[in-house]
C-alpha cells in the first residue's frame, strides 16, 4: 500500500490510481486504473456511461524514466460506441490517441527536439529516431494554436529547403508577432493558393502587405487572392541574388583555371569562396588577406564582388526611399555594362521587380525584420535532414518557431 501510494504521488498522472507496482530487470511496471466512470471517445468529446461490451483492452505506455529504469504504465481500458467514430477503446487523460508514450514523455522529447539533434535525444531517452519524428508531429498537431491565422496584416511567404534533392517547404510568417503561422510542402503558386484557401477571403482582405522573393509563383497567388495588399520584394532575397550571381562568376573563373592546367592556382582560388561571399566585417584575418589579394588582382571576380557589395549597400539602414531608388537604378546600369552574364541577368530581374523592391522599403516590410527567425529555421532544417517526411520537418519548425509554447513536464504540472 505504501509503495502504490508513493507511486501515485510520483507519477502525477491525472485521473488515475495505482493498483500495483512490479519491479523487473531494467524497468518498473505500474498498473493503473481510471478513476472516472464515464468513457470518453479518443477522437472527440463524446462521453457515455455505457460500455460496448465487457471486454477490456490491455494497453501500455512508456513514462518518464525512473533514474536508470524504464517506467511503464499499464491499464485495462474499456470499449465504448461513439455515434461518430464507432467502437473505440476509451481515451486516457495522460496520453494522446494512438501513442504508446505518455504526454509527459512526449512533451520532454518535443522540448529537447527544439534544442538538440535527434541522435542525442534517441540516446538520452532510449527511443528510435523515427519515434522522435512521430512525437514531434503529434505534439505539434496537438499544441498548434487554431486561431494562428487570425489578425494577420503583414506577412512573408518564403521557401526553405528541408532535405536533399531540392525538396522545399513554403512557410508563412506573421511579421508583427515574428512567428511562423503556416507551412506546407512545395514552393509554387499552388502551394500559396492552398494557404490563401485556408486563410479565407475575409481574412485575406485584411492583409496590408506581403513580402516575397523574386520568384513568379508566390506573387501570382498573392495578387489573385489579396490584391489590396502591397506586394513587397524582400530585400534579403535581393541581396542573396547578388551573392548567387557572384558565386556563379567565381565558379566560372575557377573552372577556367582548372582547364588551363594551373591546378595549384585553382586550389588556391577555391578557398576564396567565403572571402567573397561573407560580409567584410565578418571576415577572419586569413579571409581578409585573401580578399586583399583578389582586389590587387582585379579582373572579373573583383568586379563581381564590387557589384555584390553595391547591391547589399542599397538596403543599408537610414536611407530614404529616394536614395534607394537612385541606388537601384545605378546598380542596374552598372550590372548591365559589367559584361558579367550572371549580373546582366540579375539586372533584368531587378528591373522587373523594381516597384516591389521599393514597396518593401517604404513600409519597412520584409523578411529581414525576422532575420533571426529565418536563421533559426535554417538551423532546424539542417537538423531535420534525417526526417523522411516533410510533415515531421514542418512540425519541428512549428514547434520551434510557431505559435506553440512548449514546457517541460514539471512546468506543466506547476501550471
Protein backbone atom coordinates (compact mmCIF):
# COMPACT_ATOMS: atom_id res chain seq x y z
CA UNK A 1 0.00 0.00 0.00
CA UNK A 2 2.80 2.40 0.83
CA UNK A 3 4.53 1.61 -2.48
CA UNK A 4 1.39 2.24 -4.56
CA UNK A 5 0.66 5.47 -2.69
CA UNK A 6 4.23 6.64 -3.26
CA UNK A 7 4.00 5.93 -6.98
CA UNK A 8 0.65 7.73 -7.21
CA UNK A 9 2.40 10.88 -5.97
CA UNK A 10 5.49 10.22 -8.13
CA UNK A 11 3.71 9.66 -11.46
CA UNK A 12 1.41 12.68 -11.27
CA UNK A 13 -0.92 11.15 -13.83
CA UNK A 14 -4.31 12.88 -13.73
CA UNK A 15 -7.43 10.83 -13.21
CA UNK A 16 -5.81 7.50 -12.29
CA UNK A 17 -4.99 5.48 -9.21
CA UNK A 18 -2.17 2.96 -8.87
CA UNK A 19 -3.26 -0.63 -8.41
CA UNK A 20 0.10 -2.41 -8.33
CA UNK A 21 3.82 -1.91 -8.87
CA UNK A 22 6.24 -4.55 -10.20
CA UNK A 23 10.00 -4.26 -10.23
CA UNK A 24 11.57 -6.13 -13.14
CA UNK A 25 15.14 -6.16 -14.52
CA UNK A 26 15.79 -2.73 -16.02
CA UNK A 27 12.25 -1.47 -15.65
CA UNK A 28 9.39 -0.67 -13.29
CA UNK A 29 5.84 -1.62 -14.34
CA UNK A 30 2.97 0.31 -12.78
CA UNK A 31 -0.60 -0.95 -13.22
CA UNK A 32 -3.21 1.80 -13.01
CA UNK A 33 -6.98 2.19 -13.32
CA UNK A 34 -9.04 5.20 -14.36
CA UNK A 35 -10.98 6.95 -11.60
CA UNK A 36 -13.77 8.25 -13.83
CA UNK A 37 -16.95 6.31 -14.51
CA UNK A 38 -17.71 7.92 -17.88
CA UNK A 39 -16.00 6.62 -21.00
CA UNK A 40 -14.51 9.20 -23.38
CA UNK A 41 -14.07 8.76 -27.13
CA UNK A 42 -10.38 9.25 -28.02
CA UNK A 43 -11.27 11.14 -31.22
CA UNK A 44 -13.92 13.58 -30.00
CA UNK A 45 -15.57 14.93 -26.86
CA UNK A 46 -18.32 12.32 -26.74
CA UNK A 47 -18.75 10.65 -23.32
CA UNK A 48 -21.02 7.88 -22.08
CA UNK A 49 -21.51 5.64 -19.08
CA UNK A 50 -22.46 2.68 -21.29
CA UNK A 51 -19.84 0.16 -22.33
CA UNK A 52 -19.89 -1.52 -25.71
CA UNK A 53 -19.28 -4.90 -24.03
CA UNK A 54 -17.49 -6.36 -21.06
CA UNK A 55 -14.20 -6.87 -22.90
CA UNK A 56 -11.20 -4.79 -21.94
CA UNK A 57 -8.09 -3.86 -23.91
CA UNK A 58 -4.63 -4.26 -22.42
CA UNK A 59 -2.76 -1.01 -23.07
CA UNK A 60 0.69 0.25 -22.11
CA UNK A 61 2.62 3.49 -22.23
CA UNK A 62 6.21 4.49 -21.69
CA UNK A 63 6.56 7.16 -18.99
CA UNK A 64 9.49 9.29 -17.88
CA UNK A 65 12.41 7.16 -16.73
CA UNK A 66 12.87 6.49 -13.04
CA UNK A 67 16.60 7.03 -12.81
CA UNK A 68 18.20 4.31 -14.97
CA UNK A 69 14.98 2.24 -15.03
CA UNK A 70 12.36 2.41 -17.74
CA UNK A 71 8.98 3.23 -16.28
CA UNK A 72 5.96 1.65 -17.97
CA UNK A 73 2.28 2.34 -17.29
CA UNK A 74 -0.29 -0.36 -17.95
CA UNK A 75 -4.07 -0.34 -17.77
CA UNK A 76 -7.14 -2.29 -18.81
CA UNK A 77 -9.30 0.02 -20.90
CA UNK A 78 -13.00 -0.29 -21.65
CA UNK A 79 -14.72 -0.06 -25.03
CA UNK A 80 -17.46 2.37 -25.99
CA UNK A 81 -19.63 3.02 -29.03
CA UNK A 82 -19.23 6.57 -30.34
CA UNK A 83 -22.05 7.74 -32.66
CA UNK A 84 -19.44 9.35 -34.92
CA UNK A 85 -16.42 7.04 -34.76
CA UNK A 86 -17.95 3.69 -33.92
CA UNK A 87 -16.50 1.23 -31.42
CA UNK A 88 -13.38 2.63 -29.75
CA UNK A 89 -11.18 1.96 -26.77
CA UNK A 90 -11.70 4.77 -24.25
CA UNK A 91 -9.26 7.68 -24.09
CA UNK A 92 -6.88 8.16 -21.19
CA UNK A 93 -6.12 11.62 -19.79
CA UNK A 94 -2.37 11.13 -19.64
CA UNK A 95 -1.62 10.10 -23.27
CA UNK A 96 -2.56 11.20 -26.79
CA UNK A 97 -4.64 8.99 -29.04
CA UNK A 98 -2.54 6.44 -30.92
CA UNK A 99 0.53 6.97 -28.77
CA UNK A 100 2.23 4.37 -26.58
CA UNK A 101 4.02 7.17 -24.73
CA UNK A 102 2.60 9.42 -22.03
CA UNK A 103 2.08 13.14 -22.59
CA UNK A 104 4.89 13.94 -20.15
CA UNK A 105 7.30 11.75 -22.10
CA UNK A 106 6.31 13.27 -25.44
CA UNK A 107 6.48 16.78 -24.04
CA UNK A 108 10.05 16.21 -22.88
CA UNK A 109 11.10 14.78 -26.26
CA UNK A 110 9.44 17.65 -28.16
CA UNK A 111 11.16 20.22 -25.95
CA UNK A 112 14.52 18.53 -26.49
CA UNK A 113 13.92 18.38 -30.26
CA UNK A 114 13.80 22.18 -30.45
CA UNK A 115 17.23 22.38 -28.82
CA UNK A 116 19.33 19.43 -29.97
CA UNK A 117 19.58 16.78 -32.67
CA UNK A 118 17.62 13.54 -32.90
CA UNK A 119 20.63 11.29 -32.27
CA UNK A 120 21.24 12.90 -28.88
CA UNK A 121 17.56 12.63 -27.98
CA UNK A 122 17.36 9.00 -29.03
CA UNK A 123 20.36 8.14 -26.88
CA UNK A 124 19.18 10.13 -23.88
CA UNK A 125 15.62 8.81 -23.68
CA UNK A 126 16.26 5.44 -25.34
CA UNK A 127 13.86 5.55 -28.27
CA UNK A 128 14.26 5.06 -32.01
CA UNK A 129 14.95 8.24 -34.02
CA UNK A 130 11.83 7.59 -36.14
CA UNK A 131 9.84 7.72 -32.92
CA UNK A 132 11.25 11.21 -32.33
CA UNK A 133 9.74 12.33 -35.65
CA UNK A 134 6.35 10.84 -34.80
CA UNK A 135 6.36 12.51 -31.38
CA UNK A 136 7.18 15.88 -32.93
CA UNK A 137 4.31 15.53 -35.40
CA UNK A 138 1.81 14.55 -32.67
CA UNK A 139 2.78 17.29 -30.23
CA UNK A 140 2.80 19.95 -32.95
CA UNK A 141 -0.68 18.95 -34.17
CA UNK A 142 -2.00 18.89 -30.60
CA UNK A 143 -0.44 22.15 -29.40
CA UNK A 144 -0.82 24.29 -32.53
CA UNK A 145 -2.96 27.39 -31.97
CA UNK A 146 -6.15 27.01 -34.05
CA UNK A 147 -6.51 30.82 -34.21
CA UNK A 148 -3.00 31.42 -35.55
CA UNK A 149 -4.31 32.76 -38.90
CA UNK A 150 -6.45 35.43 -37.23
CA UNK A 151 -5.29 39.04 -37.06
CA UNK A 152 -2.76 38.76 -39.88
CA UNK A 153 -1.86 42.07 -41.52
CA UNK A 154 1.76 41.91 -42.71
CA UNK A 155 3.07 38.51 -43.73
CA UNK A 156 6.03 36.99 -45.52
CA UNK A 157 5.87 33.97 -47.81
CA UNK A 158 9.17 32.19 -48.17
CA UNK A 159 10.63 28.83 -49.13
CA UNK A 160 13.14 26.71 -47.26
CA UNK A 161 14.95 23.56 -48.34
CA UNK A 162 14.41 20.77 -45.81
CA UNK A 163 16.16 17.81 -47.48
CA UNK A 164 18.43 16.92 -50.34
CA UNK A 165 17.27 16.65 -53.97
CA UNK A 166 15.61 20.07 -53.90
CA UNK A 167 12.72 19.33 -51.56
CA UNK A 168 11.15 22.52 -50.23
CA UNK A 169 8.64 23.81 -47.72
CA UNK A 170 6.66 27.02 -48.08
CA UNK A 171 6.43 28.98 -44.83
CA UNK A 172 4.22 31.94 -43.99
CA UNK A 173 5.47 34.34 -41.31
CA UNK A 174 3.47 36.85 -39.29
CA UNK A 175 5.77 39.88 -39.29
CA UNK A 176 4.12 41.58 -36.31
CA UNK A 177 4.36 38.61 -33.98
CA UNK A 178 7.51 37.25 -35.63
CA UNK A 179 6.40 33.67 -35.79
CA UNK A 180 5.61 31.13 -38.47
CA UNK A 181 1.88 30.53 -38.74
CA UNK A 182 1.56 28.18 -41.72
CA UNK A 183 3.60 25.77 -43.78
CA UNK A 184 3.28 23.12 -46.45
CA UNK A 185 5.43 21.07 -48.80
CA UNK A 186 6.17 22.72 -52.18
CA UNK A 187 7.17 26.16 -53.37
CA UNK A 188 4.87 27.14 -56.26
CA UNK A 189 1.71 29.14 -56.76
CA UNK A 190 -0.43 26.08 -55.99
CA UNK A 191 1.16 25.88 -52.53
CA UNK A 192 0.46 29.57 -51.92
CA UNK A 193 -3.10 29.05 -53.18
CA UNK A 194 -3.51 26.37 -50.53
CA UNK A 195 -2.55 28.89 -47.83
CA UNK A 196 -4.99 31.52 -49.10
CA UNK A 197 -7.75 28.90 -49.31
CA UNK A 198 -7.20 28.07 -45.64
CA UNK A 199 -6.96 31.74 -44.75
CA UNK A 200 -10.29 32.53 -46.40
CA UNK A 201 -11.41 35.59 -48.32
CA UNK A 202 -12.41 37.67 -45.29
CA UNK A 203 -9.04 37.31 -43.56
CA UNK A 204 -7.14 37.68 -46.87
CA UNK A 205 -8.79 41.07 -47.38
CA UNK A 206 -7.28 42.24 -44.07
CA UNK A 207 -3.72 41.79 -45.34
CA UNK A 208 -1.93 45.08 -45.91
CA UNK A 209 1.50 43.86 -47.10
CA UNK A 210 3.03 40.60 -48.30
CA UNK A 211 6.79 40.22 -48.61
CA UNK A 212 8.08 37.72 -51.16
CA UNK A 213 11.18 36.65 -53.04
CA UNK A 214 11.58 37.43 -56.76
CA UNK A 215 10.08 34.15 -57.95
CA UNK A 216 6.87 34.43 -60.01
CA UNK A 217 4.78 31.74 -58.25
CA UNK A 218 4.04 33.38 -54.90
CA UNK A 219 3.45 36.81 -56.44
CA UNK A 220 0.83 35.44 -58.83
CA UNK A 221 -1.11 33.83 -55.99
CA UNK A 222 -0.80 36.89 -53.73
CA UNK A 223 -2.14 39.26 -56.40
CA UNK A 224 -5.03 36.90 -57.10
CA UNK A 225 -6.16 36.39 -53.51
CA UNK A 226 -5.07 39.62 -51.78
CA UNK A 227 -5.00 42.24 -54.49
CA UNK A 228 -5.32 45.11 -52.00
CA UNK A 229 -2.06 44.19 -50.21
CA UNK A 230 1.29 45.74 -51.07
CA UNK A 231 3.46 43.12 -52.78
CA UNK A 232 6.91 43.79 -51.36
CA UNK A 233 10.01 42.05 -52.70
CA UNK A 234 12.09 41.01 -49.73
CA UNK A 235 15.48 42.84 -49.70
CA UNK A 236 17.07 39.78 -48.10
CA UNK A 237 16.38 37.78 -51.25
CA UNK A 238 17.54 40.63 -53.50
CA UNK A 239 20.90 40.73 -51.70
CA UNK A 240 21.10 36.94 -51.80
CA UNK A 241 20.58 37.06 -55.58
CA UNK A 242 23.68 39.27 -55.76
CA UNK A 243 25.69 36.71 -53.79
CA UNK A 244 24.43 33.91 -56.07
CA UNK A 245 25.49 35.88 -59.16
CA UNK A 246 28.95 36.45 -57.69
CA UNK A 247 29.28 32.77 -56.84
CA UNK A 248 28.45 31.90 -60.45
CA UNK A 249 31.19 34.25 -61.65
CA UNK A 250 33.61 32.69 -59.16
CA UNK A 251 32.83 29.14 -60.30
CA UNK A 252 33.29 30.09 -63.97
CA UNK A 253 36.72 31.59 -63.24
CA UNK A 254 37.71 28.57 -61.12
CA UNK A 255 36.80 26.20 -63.97
CA UNK A 256 38.87 28.31 -66.36
CA UNK A 257 41.86 27.95 -64.04
CA UNK A 258 41.40 24.18 -63.88
CA UNK A 259 41.11 23.86 -67.65
CA UNK A 260 44.22 25.98 -68.16
CA UNK A 261 46.28 23.37 -66.33
CA UNK A 262 47.27 25.55 -63.37
CA UNK A 263 45.91 23.21 -60.70
CA UNK A 264 47.77 24.93 -57.87
CA UNK A 265 46.21 28.31 -58.69
CA UNK A 266 42.80 26.62 -58.96
CA UNK A 267 43.17 25.11 -55.48
CA UNK A 268 44.22 28.44 -54.00
CA UNK A 269 41.28 30.22 -55.62
CA UNK A 270 38.80 27.60 -54.45
CA UNK A 271 39.47 28.69 -50.86
CA UNK A 272 38.44 32.26 -51.78
CA UNK A 273 34.72 31.46 -51.78
CA UNK A 274 33.90 32.63 -48.26
CA UNK A 275 36.20 35.62 -48.58
CA UNK A 276 33.95 36.77 -51.42
CA UNK A 277 30.53 35.82 -50.06
CA UNK A 278 30.81 36.84 -46.40
CA UNK A 279 30.25 40.37 -45.24
CA UNK A 280 33.53 42.30 -44.97
CA UNK A 281 33.03 42.94 -41.25
CA UNK A 282 32.68 39.20 -40.61
CA UNK A 283 35.88 38.08 -42.36
CA UNK A 284 38.62 36.33 -40.43
CA UNK A 285 42.17 37.65 -40.80
CA UNK A 286 43.16 34.99 -43.39
CA UNK A 287 39.94 35.64 -45.35
CA UNK A 288 40.57 39.39 -45.28
CA UNK A 289 44.10 38.78 -46.61
CA UNK A 290 42.68 36.62 -49.42
CA UNK A 291 40.20 39.36 -50.30
CA UNK A 292 43.06 41.86 -50.43
CA UNK A 293 44.92 39.70 -52.96
CA UNK A 294 41.80 39.42 -55.10
CA UNK A 295 41.41 43.20 -55.03
CA UNK A 296 45.02 43.63 -56.17
CA UNK A 297 44.50 41.10 -58.97
CA UNK A 298 41.33 42.79 -60.22
CA UNK A 299 39.53 41.11 -63.08
CA UNK A 300 36.02 39.70 -63.41
CA UNK A 301 35.83 38.23 -59.92
CA UNK A 302 36.66 41.52 -58.25
CA UNK A 303 34.18 43.41 -60.47
CA UNK A 304 31.54 40.89 -59.45
CA UNK A 305 32.43 41.41 -55.78
CA UNK A 306 32.05 45.19 -56.03
CA UNK A 307 28.64 44.73 -57.67
CA UNK A 308 27.55 42.34 -54.92
CA UNK A 309 28.56 44.81 -52.22
CA UNK A 310 26.93 47.70 -54.07
CA UNK A 311 23.66 45.77 -54.16
CA UNK A 312 23.87 44.96 -50.45
CA UNK A 313 24.57 48.62 -49.61
CA UNK A 314 21.28 49.65 -51.23
CA UNK A 315 19.42 48.30 -48.21
CA UNK A 316 21.58 49.85 -45.51
CA UNK A 317 19.55 51.38 -42.67
CA UNK A 318 18.88 55.11 -42.71
CA UNK A 319 18.41 55.57 -46.46
CA UNK A 320 15.33 57.32 -47.78
CA UNK A 321 13.11 55.86 -50.47
CA UNK A 322 14.60 58.35 -52.96
CA UNK A 323 18.12 57.21 -52.04
CA UNK A 324 17.19 53.58 -52.54
CA UNK A 325 15.53 54.29 -55.91
CA UNK A 326 18.63 56.14 -57.12
CA UNK A 327 20.98 53.37 -55.94
CA UNK A 328 18.87 50.66 -57.57
CA UNK A 329 18.96 52.48 -60.91
CA UNK A 330 22.73 52.95 -60.64
CA UNK A 331 23.21 49.27 -59.85
CA UNK A 332 21.06 48.21 -62.82
CA UNK A 333 23.13 50.43 -65.11
CA UNK A 334 26.47 49.11 -63.78
CA UNK A 335 25.35 45.49 -63.90
CA UNK A 336 24.14 45.80 -67.49
CA UNK A 337 27.52 47.21 -68.56
CA UNK A 338 29.59 44.75 -66.48
CA UNK A 339 29.89 42.10 -69.24
CA UNK A 340 29.28 39.53 -66.48
CA UNK A 341 26.38 37.38 -67.67
CA UNK A 342 25.05 36.47 -64.16
CA UNK A 343 24.86 40.16 -63.24
CA UNK A 344 23.34 41.12 -66.59
CA UNK A 345 20.54 38.62 -65.87
CA UNK A 346 20.23 39.94 -62.32
CA UNK A 347 19.86 43.50 -63.63
CA UNK A 348 16.94 42.35 -65.80
CA UNK A 349 15.31 40.62 -62.81
CA UNK A 350 15.68 43.65 -60.55
CA UNK A 351 14.30 45.91 -63.28
CA UNK A 352 11.23 43.68 -63.48
CA UNK A 353 10.69 43.78 -59.70
CA UNK A 354 11.82 47.38 -59.04
CA UNK A 355 8.43 48.58 -57.80
CA UNK A 356 8.12 45.61 -55.45
CA UNK A 357 11.59 46.24 -54.03
CA UNK A 358 10.76 49.89 -53.37
CA UNK A 359 7.43 48.84 -51.85
CA UNK A 360 9.35 46.79 -49.28
CA UNK A 361 11.45 49.80 -48.35
CA UNK A 362 8.51 52.20 -47.94
CA UNK A 363 6.63 50.45 -45.13
CA UNK A 364 9.73 48.65 -43.88
CA UNK A 365 8.07 45.31 -44.54
CA UNK A 366 10.43 42.46 -45.32
CA UNK A 367 11.51 39.10 -44.05
CA UNK A 368 14.69 40.82 -42.92
CA UNK A 369 12.68 42.03 -39.90
CA UNK A 370 12.55 38.38 -38.91
CA UNK A 371 16.11 37.53 -39.95
CA UNK A 372 16.82 35.84 -36.60
CA UNK A 373 13.75 33.68 -37.18
CA UNK A 374 14.97 32.76 -40.67
CA UNK A 375 18.37 31.76 -39.31
CA UNK A 376 16.65 29.59 -36.73
CA UNK A 377 14.58 27.91 -39.44
CA UNK A 378 17.72 27.14 -41.46
CA UNK A 379 19.33 25.56 -38.42
CA UNK A 380 16.21 23.48 -37.77
CA UNK A 381 16.01 22.25 -41.37
CA UNK A 382 19.64 21.12 -41.22
CA UNK A 383 18.77 19.12 -38.11
CA UNK A 384 15.68 17.78 -39.89
CA UNK A 385 17.57 16.22 -42.83
CA UNK A 386 17.16 12.83 -41.19
CA UNK A 387 13.38 13.09 -41.45
CA UNK A 388 11.96 11.25 -44.44
CA UNK A 389 8.64 13.08 -44.23
CA UNK A 390 8.08 16.80 -44.84
CA UNK A 391 5.34 16.69 -42.20
CA UNK A 392 7.86 15.85 -39.48
CA UNK A 393 10.25 18.58 -40.65
CA UNK A 394 7.42 21.12 -40.75
CA UNK A 395 6.20 20.02 -37.32
CA UNK A 396 9.68 20.67 -35.88
CA UNK A 397 9.70 24.13 -37.45
CA UNK A 398 6.28 24.92 -35.97
CA UNK A 399 7.37 23.67 -32.55
CA UNK A 400 10.46 25.88 -32.64
CA UNK A 401 9.19 28.98 -34.46
CA UNK A 402 5.41 28.75 -34.48
CA UNK A 403 2.63 29.74 -32.09
CA UNK A 404 3.42 26.95 -29.65
CA UNK A 405 4.69 27.34 -26.09
CA UNK A 406 6.46 24.18 -25.02
CA UNK A 407 7.05 23.40 -21.37
CA UNK A 408 8.99 20.57 -19.80
CA UNK A 409 6.86 18.16 -17.71
CA UNK A 410 7.50 19.68 -14.27
CA UNK A 411 6.46 23.11 -15.61
CA UNK A 412 3.24 21.61 -16.99
CA UNK A 413 2.29 20.27 -13.57
CA UNK A 414 3.04 23.61 -11.96
CA UNK A 415 0.54 25.21 -14.35
